[in-house]
Amino acid sequence: MTDNDQTRLTRPRPVCESISEMTEIVLPNDANPLNALLGGRLMHWIDLAGAMAAHRHSRQYVVTASIDHLDFLVPVRVGDIVVLRSSVNRVFHTSMEVGVKVWVENYHTEQSRHVSSAYLTFVAVDTAGNRLPVAPVIPETEDEKRRYKGASRRREIRRAEWARRKEISITE
């Protein structure tokens, strides 16, 4: 990698350059016997949507390091359209917090409802799996600034939880 490439990859970028939107229609093979979307399928889509935002921002390969708590707020049925919107909230040297918000659209009733939200951590890596530095993100809107600030708090919570789980595994 040349110095010019490294400069290009680490140049600060606004959040808007990472924004991604992914749309899926729920088909029978995505559903359980009650015709509701499988939770695992939604988690897979959330991971993909988050990875797209992380990749767009970092312009590197990315791997999923963690996903925070996930609630399923409303059921999603076969035939519904699922919309996943994602963007990078904050960068921490080689890792990024990405927020993903999921909506379900029923085109018969013209209703749109919030299904779930998730925060994921991605790490930029090279082809050998070595961590790579990521360009800082620049929050511009009030909402982006709020998410940027909140990402630091969530990171501290993740670190504390990681330390707690590590301690538990040592004592078991």
C-alpha atoms as a PDB file:
ATOM      1  CA  MET A   1       0.000   0.000   0.000  1.00  0.00           C
ATOM      2  CA  THR A   2       1.400   3.362  -0.988  1.00  0.00           C
ATOM      3  CA  ASP A   3       1.398   6.451   1.218  1.00  0.00           C
ATOM      4  CA  ASN A   4      -1.177   7.955  -1.134  1.00  0.00           C
ATOM      5  CA  ASP A   5      -3.470   4.927  -0.621  1.00  0.00           C
ATOM      6  CA  GLN A   6      -3.054   5.145   3.155  1.00  0.00           C
ATOM      7  CA  THR A   7      -3.877   8.872   3.107  1.00  0.00           C
ATOM      8  CA  ARG A   8      -6.989   8.202   1.011  1.00  0.00           C
ATOM      9  CA  LEU A   9      -8.162   5.433   3.351  1.00  0.00           C
ATOM     10  CA  THR A  10      -7.674   7.431   6.558  1.00  0.00           C
ATOM     11  CA  ARG A  11      -9.145  10.746   5.345  1.00  0.00           C
ATOM     12  CA  PRO A  12     -12.075  11.690   7.653  1.00  0.00           C
ATOM     13  CA  ARG A  13     -15.463  11.117   5.998  1.00  0.00           C
ATOM     14  CA  PRO A  14     -18.970  12.277   6.877  1.00  0.00           C
ATOM     15  CA  VAL A  15     -21.533   9.788   8.151  1.00  0.00           C
ATOM     16  CA  CYS A  16     -23.601  10.305   4.995  1.00  0.00           C
ATOM     17  CA  GLU A  17     -20.954   8.475   2.931  1.00  0.00           C
ATOM     18  CA  SER A  18     -21.621   5.288   4.914  1.00  0.00           C
ATOM     19  CA  ILE A  19     -25.425   5.307   4.758  1.00  0.00           C
ATOM     20  CA  SER A  20     -26.787   2.094   3.273  1.00  0.00           C
ATOM     21  CA  GLU A  21     -30.276   0.796   2.658  1.00  0.00           C
ATOM     22  CA  MET A  22     -31.176  -2.804   1.986  1.00  0.00           C
ATOM     23  CA  THR A  23     -34.626  -4.120   1.080  1.00  0.00           C
ATOM     24  CA  GLU A  24     -35.873  -7.701   1.255  1.00  0.00           C
ATOM     25  CA  ILE A  25     -39.235  -9.302   0.617  1.00  0.00           C
ATOM     26  CA  VAL A  26     -40.119 -12.032   3.087  1.00  0.00           C
ATOM     27  CA  LEU A  27     -40.595 -15.320   1.259  1.00  0.00           C
ATOM     28  CA  PRO A  28     -41.869 -18.647   2.643  1.00  0.00           C
ATOM     29  CA  ASN A  29     -38.324 -20.006   3.057  1.00  0.00           C
ATOM     30  CA  ASP A  30     -37.563 -17.002   5.348  1.00  0.00           C
ATOM     31  CA  ALA A  31     -40.431 -17.861   7.710  1.00  0.00           C
ATOM     32  CA  ASN A  32     -41.406 -20.248  10.471  1.00  0.00           C
ATOM     33  CA  PRO A  33     -44.583 -22.435  10.371  1.00  0.00           C
ATOM     34  CA  LEU A  34     -46.625 -19.414  11.539  1.00  0.00           C
ATOM     35  CA  ASN A  35     -45.537 -17.448   8.432  1.00  0.00           C
ATOM     36  CA  ALA A  36     -43.471 -15.061  10.577  1.00  0.00           C
ATOM     37  CA  LEU A  37     -39.927 -14.077   9.637  1.00  0.00           C
ATOM     38  CA  LEU A  38     -37.293 -16.217  11.350  1.00  0.00           C
ATOM     39  CA  GLY A  39     -35.296 -14.235  13.912  1.00  0.00           C
ATOM     40  CA  GLY A  40     -32.054 -15.713  12.602  1.00  0.00           C
ATOM     41  CA  ARG A  41     -32.831 -14.530   9.071  1.00  0.00           C
ATOM     42  CA  LEU A  42     -33.427 -10.990  10.365  1.00  0.00           C
ATOM     43  CA  MET A  43     -30.159 -11.127  12.315  1.00  0.00           C
ATOM     44  CA  HIS A  44     -28.383 -12.192   9.120  1.00  0.00           C
ATOM     45  CA  TRP A  45     -29.882  -9.260   7.206  1.00  0.00           C
ATOM     46  CA  ILE A  46     -28.912  -6.863  10.029  1.00  0.00           C
ATOM     47  CA  ASP A  47     -25.325  -8.135   9.853  1.00  0.00           C
ATOM     48  CA  LEU A  48     -25.234  -7.642   6.068  1.00  0.00           C
ATOM     49  CA  ALA A  49     -26.720  -4.136   6.258  1.00  0.00           C
ATOM     50  CA  GLY A  50     -24.236  -3.177   8.978  1.00  0.00           C
ATOM     51  CA  ALA A  51     -21.315  -4.594   7.013  1.00  0.00           C
ATOM     52  CA  MET A  52     -22.308  -2.535   3.961  1.00  0.00           C
ATOM     53  CA  ALA A  53     -22.132   0.701   5.971  1.00  0.00           C
ATOM     54  CA  ALA A  54     -18.812  -0.293   7.594  1.00  0.00           C
ATOM     55  CA  HIS A  55     -17.339  -1.261   4.231  1.00  0.00           C
ATOM     56  CA  ARG A  56     -18.514   1.955   2.578  1.00  0.00           C
ATOM     57  CA  HIS A  57     -16.918   4.030   5.315  1.00  0.00           C
ATOM     58  CA  SER A  58     -13.641   2.139   5.771  1.00  0.00           C
ATOM     59  CA  ARG A  59     -13.155   1.068   2.141  1.00  0.00           C
ATOM     60  CA  GLN A  60     -11.604  -2.074   3.614  1.00  0.00           C
ATOM     61  CA  TYR A  61     -12.685  -5.631   4.340  1.00  0.00           C
ATOM     62  CA  VAL A  62     -14.641  -5.723   7.590  1.00  0.00           C
ATOM     63  CA  VAL A  63     -15.543  -8.473  10.047  1.00  0.00           C
ATOM     64  CA  THR A  64     -18.277  -8.490  12.651  1.00  0.00           C
ATOM     65  CA  ALA A  65     -16.861  -8.272  16.178  1.00  0.00           C
ATOM     66  CA  SER A  66     -20.117  -7.985  18.141  1.00  0.00           C
ATOM     67  CA  ILE A  67     -23.789  -7.180  18.078  1.00  0.00           C
ATOM     68  CA  ASP A  68     -25.522  -5.580  21.013  1.00  0.00           C
ATOM     69  CA  HIS A  69     -28.874  -6.598  22.466  1.00  0.00           C
ATOM     70  CA  LEU A  70     -31.595  -7.272  19.899  1.00  0.00           C
ATOM     71  CA  ASP A  71     -35.363  -7.136  20.426  1.00  0.00           C
ATOM     72  CA  PHE A  72     -38.019  -8.074  17.886  1.00  0.00           C
ATOM     73  CA  LEU A  73     -40.757  -5.487  18.403  1.00  0.00           C
ATOM     74  CA  VAL A  74     -43.416  -6.555  15.889  1.00  0.00           C
ATOM     75  CA  PRO A  75     -43.880  -9.682  13.778  1.00  0.00           C
ATOM     76  CA  VAL A  76     -42.922  -9.651  10.110  1.00  0.00           C
ATOM     77  CA  ARG A  77     -45.044 -11.835   7.825  1.00  0.00           C
ATOM     78  CA  VAL A  78     -44.509 -13.592   4.521  1.00  0.00           C
ATOM     79  CA  GLY A  79     -45.061 -11.048   1.761  1.00  0.00           C
ATOM     80  CA  ASP A  80     -43.976  -8.059   3.864  1.00  0.00           C
ATOM     81  CA  ILE A  81     -41.131  -5.828   2.726  1.00  0.00           C
ATOM     82  CA  VAL A  82     -38.260  -5.374   5.185  1.00  0.00           C
ATOM     83  CA  VAL A  83     -36.169  -2.197   4.955  1.00  0.00           C
ATOM     84  CA  LEU A  84     -32.827  -2.030   6.776  1.00  0.00           C
ATOM     85  CA  ARG A  85     -31.052   1.337   7.094  1.00  0.00           C
ATOM     86  CA  SER A  86     -27.507   1.527   8.416  1.00  0.00           C
ATOM     87  CA  SER A  87     -24.699   4.014   8.984  1.00  0.00           C
ATOM     88  CA  VAL A  88     -21.449   4.319  10.895  1.00  0.00           C
ATOM     89  CA  ASN A  89     -21.983   6.028  14.252  1.00  0.00           C
ATOM     90  CA  ARG A  90     -18.366   6.310  15.404  1.00  0.00           C
ATOM     91  CA  VAL A  91     -14.865   5.033  14.673  1.00  0.00           C
ATOM     92  CA  PHE A  92     -12.433   3.802  17.356  1.00  0.00           C
ATOM     93  CA  HIS A  93      -9.116   3.406  15.461  1.00  0.00           C
ATOM     94  CA  THR A  94      -9.643  -0.059  13.847  1.00  0.00           C
ATOM     95  CA  SER A  95     -13.257  -0.650  14.879  1.00  0.00           C
ATOM     96  CA  MET A  96     -16.534   1.039  14.014  1.00  0.00           C
ATOM     97  CA  GLU A  97     -19.928   1.105  15.671  1.00  0.00           C
ATOM     98  CA  VAL A  98     -22.686   0.798  13.088  1.00  0.00           C
ATOM     99  CA  GLY A  99     -26.364   1.388  13.791  1.00  0.00           C
ATOM    100  CA  VAL A 100     -29.001  -0.577  11.897  1.00  0.00           C
ATOM    101  CA  LYS A 101     -32.704   0.244  12.056  1.00  0.00           C
ATOM    102  CA  VAL A 102     -35.240  -2.193  10.614  1.00  0.00           C
ATOM    103  CA  TRP A 103     -38.708  -1.370   9.320  1.00  0.00           C
ATOM    104  CA  VAL A 104     -41.468  -3.550   7.921  1.00  0.00           C
ATOM    105  CA  GLU A 105     -43.684  -2.248   5.157  1.00  0.00           C
ATOM    106  CA  ASN A 106     -47.008  -3.820   4.326  1.00  0.00           C
ATOM    107  CA  TYR A 107     -47.869  -2.628   0.852  1.00  0.00           C
ATOM    108  CA  HIS A 108     -51.509  -3.778   1.162  1.00  0.00           C
ATOM    109  CA  THR A 109     -52.207  -1.583   4.191  1.00  0.00           C
ATOM    110  CA  GLU A 110     -49.527   1.039   3.377  1.00  0.00           C
ATOM    111  CA  GLN A 111     -48.235   0.746   6.946  1.00  0.00           C
ATOM    112  CA  SER A 112     -44.617   0.984   8.035  1.00  0.00           C
ATOM    113  CA  ARG A 113     -43.577  -0.196  11.512  1.00  0.00           C
ATOM    114  CA  HIS A 114     -40.304  -0.302  13.433  1.00  0.00           C
ATOM    115  CA  VAL A 115     -39.202  -3.929  13.833  1.00  0.00           C
ATOM    116  CA  SER A 116     -35.813  -3.720  15.517  1.00  0.00           C
ATOM    117  CA  SER A 117     -32.663  -1.664  16.026  1.00  0.00           C
ATOM    118  CA  ALA A 118     -29.146  -2.922  16.598  1.00  0.00           C
ATOM    119  CA  TYR A 119     -25.648  -1.649  17.217  1.00  0.00           C
ATOM    120  CA  LEU A 120     -22.864  -3.725  15.718  1.00  0.00           C
ATOM    121  CA  THR A 121     -19.105  -3.431  15.988  1.00  0.00           C
ATOM    122  CA  PHE A 122     -17.042  -4.116  12.883  1.00  0.00           C
ATOM    123  CA  VAL A 123     -13.267  -4.265  12.563  1.00  0.00           C
ATOM    124  CA  ALA A 124     -11.395  -3.374   9.377  1.00  0.00           C
ATOM    125  CA  VAL A 125      -8.918  -6.060   8.315  1.00  0.00           C
ATOM    126  CA  ASP A 126      -6.581  -6.923   5.473  1.00  0.00           C
ATOM    127  CA  THR A 127      -6.672 -10.246   3.602  1.00  0.00           C
ATOM    128  CA  ALA A 128      -4.535 -11.857   6.319  1.00  0.00           C
ATOM    129  CA  GLY A 129      -6.935 -10.744   9.060  1.00  0.00           C
ATOM    130  CA  ASN A 130      -4.675  -8.019  10.469  1.00  0.00           C
ATOM    131  CA  ARG A 131      -6.474  -4.990  11.875  1.00  0.00           C
ATOM    132  CA  LEU A 132      -6.308  -1.795   9.853  1.00  0.00           C
ATOM    133  CA  PRO A 133      -6.827   1.819  10.912  1.00  0.00           C
ATOM    134  CA  VAL A 134     -10.137   3.368   9.877  1.00  0.00           C
ATOM    135  CA  ALA A 135     -10.796   6.954   8.859  1.00  0.00           C
ATOM    136  CA  PRO A 136     -12.571   9.059  11.500  1.00  0.00           C
ATOM    137  CA  VAL A 137     -16.248   9.703  10.892  1.00  0.00           C
ATOM    138  CA  ILE A 138     -17.654  13.224  10.878  1.00  0.00           C
ATOM    139  CA  PRO A 139     -21.164  13.589  12.312  1.00  0.00           C
ATOM    140  CA  GLU A 140     -22.960  16.509  10.686  1.00  0.00           C
ATOM    141  CA  THR A 141     -26.643  16.428  11.683  1.00  0.00           C
ATOM    142  CA  GLU A 142     -27.981  16.640  15.238  1.00  0.00           C
ATOM    143  CA  ASP A 143     -29.088  12.991  15.033  1.00  0.00           C
ATOM    144  CA  GLU A 144     -25.620  11.901  13.854  1.00  0.00           C
ATOM    145  CA  LYS A 145     -23.993  13.902  16.665  1.00  0.00           C
ATOM    146  CA  ARG A 146     -26.315  12.247  19.212  1.00  0.00           C
ATOM    147  CA  ARG A 147     -25.463   8.770  17.900  1.00  0.00           C
ATOM    148  CA  TYR A 148     -21.749   9.660  17.813  1.00  0.00           C
ATOM    149  CA  LYS A 149     -21.817  10.691  21.475  1.00  0.00           C
ATOM    150  CA  GLY A 150     -23.903   7.670  22.478  1.00  0.00           C
ATOM    151  CA  ALA A 151     -21.424   5.322  20.799  1.00  0.00           C
ATOM    152  CA  SER A 152     -18.778   6.142  23.427  1.00  0.00           C
ATOM    153  CA  ARG A 153     -21.168   5.255  26.250  1.00  0.00           C
ATOM    154  CA  ARG A 154     -22.167   2.020  24.522  1.00  0.00           C
ATOM    155  CA  ARG A 155     -18.506   1.136  23.995  1.00  0.00           C
ATOM    156  CA  GLU A 156     -17.807   1.502  27.712  1.00  0.00           C
ATOM    157  CA  ILE A 157     -20.805  -0.715  28.492  1.00  0.00           C
ATOM    158  CA  ARG A 158     -19.531  -3.336  26.008  1.00  0.00           C
ATOM    159  CA  ARG A 159     -16.072  -3.260  27.580  1.00  0.00           C
ATOM    160  CA  ALA A 160     -17.483  -3.631  31.100  1.00  0.00           C
ATOM    161  CA  GLU A 161     -19.677  -6.534  29.976  1.00  0.00           C
ATOM    162  CA  TRP A 162     -16.696  -8.179  28.238  1.00  0.00           C
ATOM    163  CA  ALA A 163     -14.634  -7.903  31.448  1.00  0.00           C
ATOM    164  CA  ARG A 164     -17.538  -9.322  33.500  1.00  0.00           C
ATOM    165  CA  ARG A 165     -17.936 -12.319  31.163  1.00  0.00           C
ATOM    166  CA  LYS A 166     -14.180 -12.901  31.187  1.00  0.00           C
ATOM    167  CA  GLU A 167     -14.177 -12.908  34.991  1.00  0.00           C
ATOM    168  CA  ILE A 168     -17.102 -15.340  35.111  1.00  0.00           C
ATOM    169  CA  SER A 169     -15.391 -17.749  32.692  1.00  0.00           C
ATOM    170  CA  ILE A 170     -12.220 -17.731  34.840  1.00  0.00           C
ATOM    171  CA  THR A 171     -14.150 -18.611  38.003  1.00  0.00           C
ATOM    172  CA  GLU A 172     -16.274 -21.372  36.450  1.00  0.00           C
END
